Protein backbone atom coordinates (compact mmCIF):
# COMPACT_ATOMS: atom_id res chain seq x y z
CA MET A 1 102.79 151.77 149.43
CA ALA A 2 100.83 150.24 146.64
CA THR A 3 100.81 153.34 144.48
CA VAL A 4 103.11 156.26 143.90
CA HIS A 5 100.32 158.77 143.43
CA ASP A 6 100.04 162.00 145.36
CA ARG A 7 97.23 163.21 147.65
CA SER A 8 97.86 166.79 146.60
CA ARG A 9 97.18 166.14 142.95
CA LYS A 10 94.36 168.01 141.28
CA PRO A 11 92.86 166.45 138.16
CA VAL A 12 94.44 167.82 135.01
CA ARG A 13 92.22 165.81 132.65
CA SER A 14 88.76 167.33 132.69
CA LEU A 15 85.84 165.51 134.24
CA PRO A 16 82.33 165.90 132.81
CA GLN A 17 81.03 168.13 135.58
CA GLU A 18 84.09 170.38 135.80
CA PRO A 19 84.53 173.62 133.81
CA ARG A 20 87.22 173.93 131.17
CA GLU A 21 89.04 176.50 133.23
CA SER A 22 90.22 173.70 135.55
CA LEU A 23 92.61 172.50 132.83
CA THR A 24 96.13 173.84 133.07
CA VAL A 25 98.18 175.06 130.13
CA ALA A 26 100.82 172.54 131.14
CA GLY A 27 98.30 169.76 130.74
CA LEU A 28 97.33 170.98 127.28
CA LEU A 29 100.96 171.36 126.24
CA SER A 30 101.71 167.86 127.46
CA GLN A 31 98.79 166.50 125.46
CA ALA A 32 99.81 168.37 122.32
CA LEU A 33 103.41 167.25 122.68
CA ARG A 34 102.35 163.64 122.71
CA ASP A 35 100.29 164.29 119.57
CA LYS A 36 103.40 165.69 117.88
CA CYS A 37 105.49 162.68 118.87
CA GLY A 38 103.04 160.38 117.14
CA ALA A 39 101.60 159.03 120.36
CA ARG A 40 98.06 159.79 119.33
CA ARG A 41 96.78 157.82 116.38
CA SER A 42 93.93 160.20 115.58
CA ASN A 43 93.30 163.92 115.19
CA THR A 44 91.44 164.14 118.48
CA ALA A 45 93.04 165.33 121.70
CA THR A 46 91.50 162.73 123.97
CA GLY A 47 93.34 160.57 126.44
CA LEU A 48 92.63 157.10 127.76
CA LEU A 49 89.74 158.52 129.74
CA GLY A 50 88.51 160.41 126.70
CA THR A 51 87.20 157.16 125.27
CA TYR A 52 84.80 157.06 128.18
CA GLY A 53 83.49 160.56 127.58
CA ILE A 54 86.21 162.43 129.46
CA GLY A 55 87.96 164.53 126.86
CA LEU A 56 90.21 167.54 126.53
CA PRO A 57 88.91 170.79 125.01
CA ASN A 58 90.61 172.27 121.99
CA SER A 59 93.35 174.79 122.66
CA GLU A 60 94.69 176.21 119.41
CA SER A 61 97.24 178.45 121.09
CA ALA A 62 98.67 175.61 123.19
CA LEU A 63 98.93 173.40 120.12
CA ASN A 64 100.68 176.11 118.12
CA ILE A 65 103.22 176.65 120.89
CA THR A 66 103.88 172.95 121.24
CA MET A 67 104.36 172.30 117.53
CA GLU A 68 107.46 174.46 117.70
CA MET A 69 108.92 172.39 120.52
CA ALA A 70 111.22 169.39 120.14
CA PRO A 71 109.89 166.09 121.52
CA GLN A 72 110.71 165.82 125.21
CA MET A 73 112.61 162.83 126.52
CA VAL A 74 110.55 160.91 129.05
CA ILE A 75 113.61 159.56 130.87
CA GLU A 76 117.12 161.05 131.08
CA THR A 77 119.87 159.71 133.31
CA GLU A 78 123.53 160.64 133.68
CA GLY A 79 125.87 158.26 135.51
CA LEU A 80 122.98 156.87 137.57
CA SER A 81 124.27 154.54 140.30
CA LYS A 82 122.69 152.76 143.23
CA VAL A 83 124.67 150.89 145.89
CA TYR A 84 123.34 148.62 148.62
CA GLY A 85 126.25 148.01 150.98
CA ARG A 86 128.83 146.22 148.82
CA GLN A 87 126.30 145.46 146.07
CA ARG A 88 126.28 147.86 143.12
CA ALA A 89 122.76 147.46 141.77
CA LEU A 90 123.17 150.21 139.16
CA ASP A 91 126.54 151.20 137.75
CA GLY A 92 126.73 154.53 135.91
CA VAL A 93 123.64 154.20 133.71
CA THR A 94 123.43 157.02 131.15
CA VAL A 95 120.46 156.96 128.79
CA GLN A 96 117.95 159.23 127.05
CA VAL A 97 114.59 157.69 126.26
CA ALA A 98 111.97 159.14 123.91
CA PRO A 99 108.22 158.50 124.30
CA GLY A 100 106.95 155.13 123.13
CA ALA A 101 106.64 151.50 124.16
CA ILE A 102 109.95 150.77 125.89
CA GLY A 103 111.20 147.34 126.87
CA LEU A 104 113.49 147.19 129.90
CA LEU A 105 115.10 143.80 129.40
CA GLY A 106 117.54 141.78 131.44
CA PRO A 107 117.89 138.64 133.55
CA ASN A 108 116.61 138.49 137.11
CA GLY A 109 118.80 140.61 139.37
CA ALA A 110 120.08 142.77 136.50
CA GLY A 111 118.95 146.03 138.11
CA LYS A 112 115.70 146.65 136.22
CA SER A 113 113.49 147.10 139.29
CA THR A 114 116.13 149.22 140.99
CA PHE A 115 116.31 151.46 137.92
CA MET A 116 112.56 152.09 138.04
CA LYS A 117 112.51 152.60 141.80
CA CYS A 118 115.27 155.20 141.56
CA LEU A 119 113.34 157.08 138.87
CA LEU A 120 110.22 157.02 141.07
CA GLU A 121 112.15 158.00 144.23
CA LEU A 122 111.16 154.75 145.90
CA ALA A 123 114.90 154.19 146.39
CA PRO A 124 117.38 157.07 146.81
CA ILE A 125 120.02 157.53 144.11
CA THR A 126 123.57 156.95 145.35
CA SER A 127 125.21 159.07 142.63
CA GLY A 128 124.43 160.55 139.24
CA SER A 129 121.25 162.29 138.17
CA ALA A 130 117.94 161.53 136.52
CA ARG A 131 114.98 163.36 135.03
CA VAL A 132 111.51 161.96 134.35
CA LEU A 133 109.17 163.89 132.04
CA GLY A 134 111.55 166.83 132.29
CA ARG A 135 111.42 166.88 136.10
CA GLU A 136 114.49 166.31 138.25
CA VAL A 137 114.40 163.17 140.35
CA GLY A 138 115.18 163.99 143.98
CA ARG A 139 113.84 167.53 143.77
CA GLU A 140 110.51 167.30 141.96
CA GLY A 141 109.21 163.93 143.04
CA ARG A 142 105.69 165.18 143.71
CA GLU A 143 105.35 166.59 140.20
CA ILE A 144 106.70 163.35 138.72
CA ARG A 145 104.25 161.19 140.65
CA LYS A 146 101.32 163.27 139.44
CA ARG A 147 102.09 162.19 135.87
CA VAL A 148 103.36 158.64 136.34
CA GLY A 149 101.78 155.24 137.05
CA TYR A 150 103.52 152.19 138.49
CA THR A 151 102.83 148.48 138.96
CA PRO A 152 105.37 146.81 141.26
CA GLU A 153 106.41 143.21 140.74
CA GLN A 154 104.94 142.15 144.07
CA ASP A 155 101.22 142.24 144.89
CA CYS A 156 100.24 145.75 145.91
CA HIS A 157 96.60 145.41 146.99
CA ILE A 158 95.51 146.27 150.52
CA PRO A 159 94.43 143.14 152.42
CA GLY A 160 90.71 142.93 153.06
CA MET A 161 89.83 145.62 150.53
CA VAL A 162 87.43 144.99 147.66
CA GLY A 163 89.00 145.43 144.20
CA CYS A 164 86.90 148.40 143.06
CA GLU A 165 87.37 150.09 146.45
CA TYR A 166 91.12 149.71 146.13
CA VAL A 167 91.29 151.33 142.69
CA THR A 168 88.93 154.08 143.90
CA TYR A 169 91.27 154.71 146.82
CA CYS A 170 94.24 154.97 144.45
CA ALA A 171 92.30 157.52 142.37
CA GLN A 172 91.59 159.53 145.51
CA LEU A 173 95.31 159.52 146.30
CA SER A 174 95.73 161.17 142.91
CA GLY A 175 93.55 164.06 144.08
CA LEU A 176 90.14 163.09 142.71
CA PRO A 177 87.01 163.59 144.82
CA PHE A 178 85.26 160.39 145.85
CA GLN A 179 82.46 160.36 143.28
CA ALA A 180 84.81 161.07 140.39
CA ALA A 181 87.35 158.56 141.73
CA ARG A 182 84.73 155.82 141.98
CA ARG A 183 83.47 156.44 138.45
CA ARG A 184 86.97 156.47 137.04
CA ALA A 185 87.91 153.30 138.93
CA HIS A 186 85.02 151.40 137.35
CA GLU A 187 85.96 152.72 133.91
CA MET A 188 89.51 151.45 134.29
CA LEU A 189 88.35 148.10 135.64
CA ASP A 190 86.15 147.81 132.55
CA PHE A 191 89.17 148.64 130.41
CA VAL A 192 91.33 145.88 131.94
CA GLY A 193 88.50 143.36 131.59
CA MET A 194 87.42 142.84 135.19
CA GLY A 195 83.74 141.98 135.63
CA GLN A 196 81.94 141.08 138.83
CA GLU A 197 85.26 140.08 140.38
CA ARG A 198 85.76 143.74 141.22
CA TYR A 199 83.26 143.38 144.07
CA ARG A 200 85.27 140.62 145.74
CA LYS A 201 88.15 141.10 148.14
CA ALA A 202 91.43 141.31 146.26
CA ASP A 203 92.90 138.61 148.51
CA THR A 204 90.69 136.06 146.73
CA TYR A 205 91.84 136.98 143.21
CA SER A 206 93.73 134.71 140.89
CA THR A 207 97.17 135.82 139.72
CA GLY A 208 95.69 137.08 136.45
CA MET A 209 93.06 139.16 138.25
CA LYS A 210 95.70 140.65 140.55
CA GLN A 211 97.77 141.68 137.51
CA ARG A 212 94.70 143.36 135.99
CA LEU A 213 94.00 145.13 139.28
CA LYS A 214 97.56 146.44 139.42
CA LEU A 215 97.27 147.74 135.87
CA ALA A 216 93.95 149.48 136.66
CA GLN A 217 95.39 151.32 139.68
CA ALA A 218 98.42 152.39 137.65
CA ILE A 219 96.36 154.10 134.93
CA VAL A 220 93.38 155.33 136.96
CA HIS A 221 94.70 158.92 136.93
CA ASP A 222 95.47 158.88 133.16
CA PRO A 223 99.26 159.19 133.48
CA GLU A 224 101.65 160.16 130.71
CA LEU A 225 104.12 157.42 131.64
CA VAL A 226 103.59 153.97 133.19
CA PHE A 227 106.26 151.71 134.69
CA LEU A 228 105.27 148.03 134.65
CA ASP A 229 107.51 145.64 136.58
CA GLU A 230 107.16 142.04 135.35
CA PRO A 231 103.41 142.37 134.66
CA THR A 232 103.09 138.81 133.27
CA ASN A 233 104.66 137.01 136.21
CA GLY A 234 102.73 133.91 137.23
CA LEU A 235 100.40 133.95 134.22
CA ASP A 236 99.71 131.11 131.82
CA PRO A 237 100.41 131.75 128.10
CA LYS A 238 96.83 132.88 127.41
CA GLY A 239 96.88 135.26 130.37
CA GLN A 240 100.23 136.68 129.25
CA VAL A 241 98.84 137.42 125.79
CA GLN A 242 95.78 139.17 127.24
CA ILE A 243 97.81 141.38 129.59
CA LEU A 244 100.36 142.22 126.87
CA GLU A 245 97.57 143.25 124.48
CA LEU A 246 96.18 145.62 127.12
CA ILE A 247 99.64 147.07 127.72
CA ALA A 248 100.27 147.47 123.98
CA SER A 249 97.05 149.47 123.60
CA LEU A 250 98.19 152.01 126.20
CA TRP A 251 100.78 153.39 123.76
CA ARG A 252 99.38 152.44 120.36
CA THR A 253 95.84 153.65 121.04
CA TYR A 254 96.03 156.10 123.95
CA GLY A 255 99.54 157.54 123.69
CA ILE A 256 100.64 156.62 127.21
CA THR A 257 104.37 155.87 127.25
CA VAL A 258 105.01 152.41 128.69
CA VAL A 259 108.19 151.07 130.29
CA LEU A 260 107.80 147.29 130.42
CA SER A 261 110.34 145.53 132.61
CA SER A 262 110.77 141.84 131.85
CA HIS A 263 113.29 139.01 131.83
CA LEU A 264 111.39 137.39 128.93
CA LEU A 265 112.63 138.37 125.49
CA GLN A 266 109.41 137.33 123.75
CA ASN A 267 107.28 139.69 125.88
CA VAL A 268 109.38 142.70 125.00
CA ASP A 269 109.67 141.64 121.37
CA ARG A 270 105.89 141.42 121.12
CA ILE A 271 104.91 144.99 122.03
CA CYS A 272 107.92 147.29 122.41
CA GLU A 273 109.48 149.71 119.92
CA GLN A 274 112.56 150.63 121.95
CA ILE A 275 114.80 148.23 123.88
CA ILE A 276 117.00 148.88 126.90
CA ILE A 277 119.07 145.91 128.05
CA ILE A 278 120.65 145.96 131.51
CA ALA A 279 122.97 143.36 133.04
CA ARG A 280 124.68 143.53 136.42
CA GLY A 281 123.54 147.12 136.78
CA ARG A 282 125.14 148.28 133.53
CA LEU A 283 123.51 149.48 130.34
CA LEU A 284 124.39 147.15 127.47
CA VAL A 285 122.26 148.59 124.70
CA HIS A 286 119.54 151.14 123.99
CA ASP A 287 118.15 151.14 120.46
CA THR A 288 114.97 150.60 118.50
CA LEU A 289 113.70 147.07 118.08
CA GLU A 290 113.84 147.48 114.31
CA ASN A 291 117.52 148.46 114.35
CA LEU A 292 118.50 145.67 116.68
CA LYS A 293 116.73 143.03 114.62
CA ALA A 294 118.27 144.35 111.41
CA ARG A 295 121.84 144.06 112.70
CA ARG A 296 123.50 140.71 112.21
CA ARG A 297 127.14 139.73 112.13
CA GLY A 298 126.95 138.18 108.66
CA ALA A 299 127.56 134.63 109.77
CA ALA A 300 125.74 131.31 109.76
CA GLU A 301 126.13 127.71 110.83
CA VAL A 302 125.85 125.22 108.00
CA VAL A 303 125.05 121.55 108.62
CA ILE A 304 126.11 119.16 105.83
CA ALA A 305 126.43 115.38 105.70
CA SER A 306 129.77 115.32 103.82
CA ARG A 307 132.26 117.33 101.71
CA HIS A 308 133.24 119.56 104.62
CA GLN A 309 136.75 120.19 103.27
CA GLU A 310 135.41 121.14 99.85
CA LEU A 311 133.12 123.76 101.38
CA GLN A 312 135.93 125.09 103.58
CA ALA A 313 138.19 125.46 100.52
CA ALA A 314 135.45 127.33 98.63
CA CYS A 315 135.01 129.70 101.58
CA ALA A 316 138.77 130.30 101.72
CA ARG A 317 138.77 131.32 98.03
CA ARG A 318 136.18 133.98 98.90
CA GLN A 319 138.14 134.98 101.99
CA TRP A 320 135.29 133.95 104.25
CA PRO A 321 136.50 132.77 107.67
CA CYS A 322 135.25 129.21 108.23
CA GLU A 323 135.68 126.94 111.23
CA VAL A 324 134.40 123.57 112.38
CA LEU A 325 132.42 123.85 115.62
CA PRO A 326 132.48 121.15 118.35
CA ASN A 327 129.01 120.03 117.21
CA GLY A 328 130.33 119.35 113.70
CA HIS A 329 128.64 122.38 112.11
CA LEU A 330 130.60 124.75 109.90
CA LYS A 331 130.51 128.34 111.03
CA ILE A 332 130.90 130.55 107.96
CA GLU A 333 131.33 134.33 108.18
CA HIS A 334 129.91 135.34 104.80
CA GLN A 335 129.94 139.05 105.79
CA ALA A 336 126.62 139.85 104.12
CA ALA A 337 123.34 141.19 105.42
CA SER A 338 121.46 138.20 103.99
CA LEU A 339 122.12 134.52 103.37
CA ASN A 340 122.00 134.94 99.58
CA PRO A 341 125.79 134.82 98.94
CA LEU A 342 126.08 131.68 101.05
CA LEU A 343 123.14 130.05 99.28
CA GLN A 344 124.70 130.91 95.92
CA LEU A 345 127.95 129.23 96.93
CA LEU A 346 126.14 126.07 98.03
CA HIS A 347 124.27 126.05 94.72
CA GLU A 348 127.51 126.36 92.73
CA LEU A 349 128.95 123.41 94.65
CA ALA A 350 125.72 121.41 94.18
CA LEU A 351 125.83 120.91 97.92
CA ALA A 352 122.50 120.45 99.68
CA PRO A 353 122.72 121.51 103.33
CA LEU A 354 120.78 119.67 106.02
CA GLU A 355 120.28 122.94 107.88
CA ILE A 356 121.39 126.57 107.83
CA ILE A 357 121.24 128.47 111.12
CA PRO A 358 121.56 132.27 110.68
CA SER A 359 123.54 134.21 113.24
CA PRO A 360 121.40 135.78 115.96
CA ASN A 361 120.42 139.39 115.48
CA ALA A 362 121.82 142.07 117.79
CA LEU A 363 118.82 141.88 120.12
CA GLU A 364 119.18 138.14 120.68
CA GLU A 365 122.96 138.37 120.87
CA THR A 366 122.96 141.16 123.47
CA PHE A 367 120.32 139.40 125.53
CA VAL A 368 122.41 136.22 125.55
CA GLN A 369 125.38 138.33 126.61
CA ALA A 370 123.32 139.72 129.50
CA LEU A 371 122.39 136.20 130.59
CA GLU A 372 126.02 135.08 130.43
CA MET A 373 127.11 138.06 132.53
CA SER A 374 124.44 137.23 135.09
CA HIS A 375 125.49 133.56 135.30
CA ALA A 376 129.16 134.52 135.61
CA ALA A 377 128.35 136.70 138.62
CA ALA A 378 126.32 133.97 140.34
């Protein structure tokens, strides 16, 4: 199925013609919680659809209750495993993820898509447990799907269907009546930058248009959480930048938590605040992008034309491990957060390096480790 939405859903976000009483307290609490977590960048309580005139009414009591609550984790797993025959696609993944822009990073075949499918109940969990937006996966799938959007890696349009009709249909699956679904579909197609192409059959779309269409159907019901599986696949560099900017705005502007699955480090680095790296079904790291970039091993490769032994002796006096690499570079473990001590030593020796290559930060290093694990298993 192209979408994970639910026919039984009733709209929680108010539509212009509907009375305020149609809004549930749960919906207001959810909105206020996202305000508290910093998801909203303004003092208004409007969602993505609020920018198009579809807003939430004020609810002082709901806000007061929510301000006393701790931020809810959007994803919680405990020993999550998935096995296909002899293949262990996920191996005991335990993680707690706060709201934000989350990068799910790993090489192809690492288990990223399987992880998302298990959370969405598109694939049954073999063992372990998981919760999404506080709801238990396997028992409360319908409630999860009401509040979650999803773009699969593969094309998900219905053959022969016009683009705007397809997004309208997805909105109807979310519980919206036809007129409201059609209006909302056009609003989301405007948001993702689709013009007259929306009136053509989706089969005729370029790869970029298909990616925009998938994004529109994923957010048409104004979800709290969106899973995006390789949303830049097949796009040229300009198209990748455009799609990534749209995705970034979902969290930064509208407060919708985004889980971006990608095998491209630069895509995740560009828009995400939290990083989850998976390799061979195992969780390697979960941390903020800032923390990962700040962590280095305190080492560098130094390229010099001569006087290698003199530099090695100077490093030994400072008790800095130093070795000659096969490429002729000197790897020096200066054990500092910056290159300043190493630069000072080179200055004292009046030694001008041809090049200094800092050690990779923890993000780069862990990603390389994930790639190496993937190649070793091949």
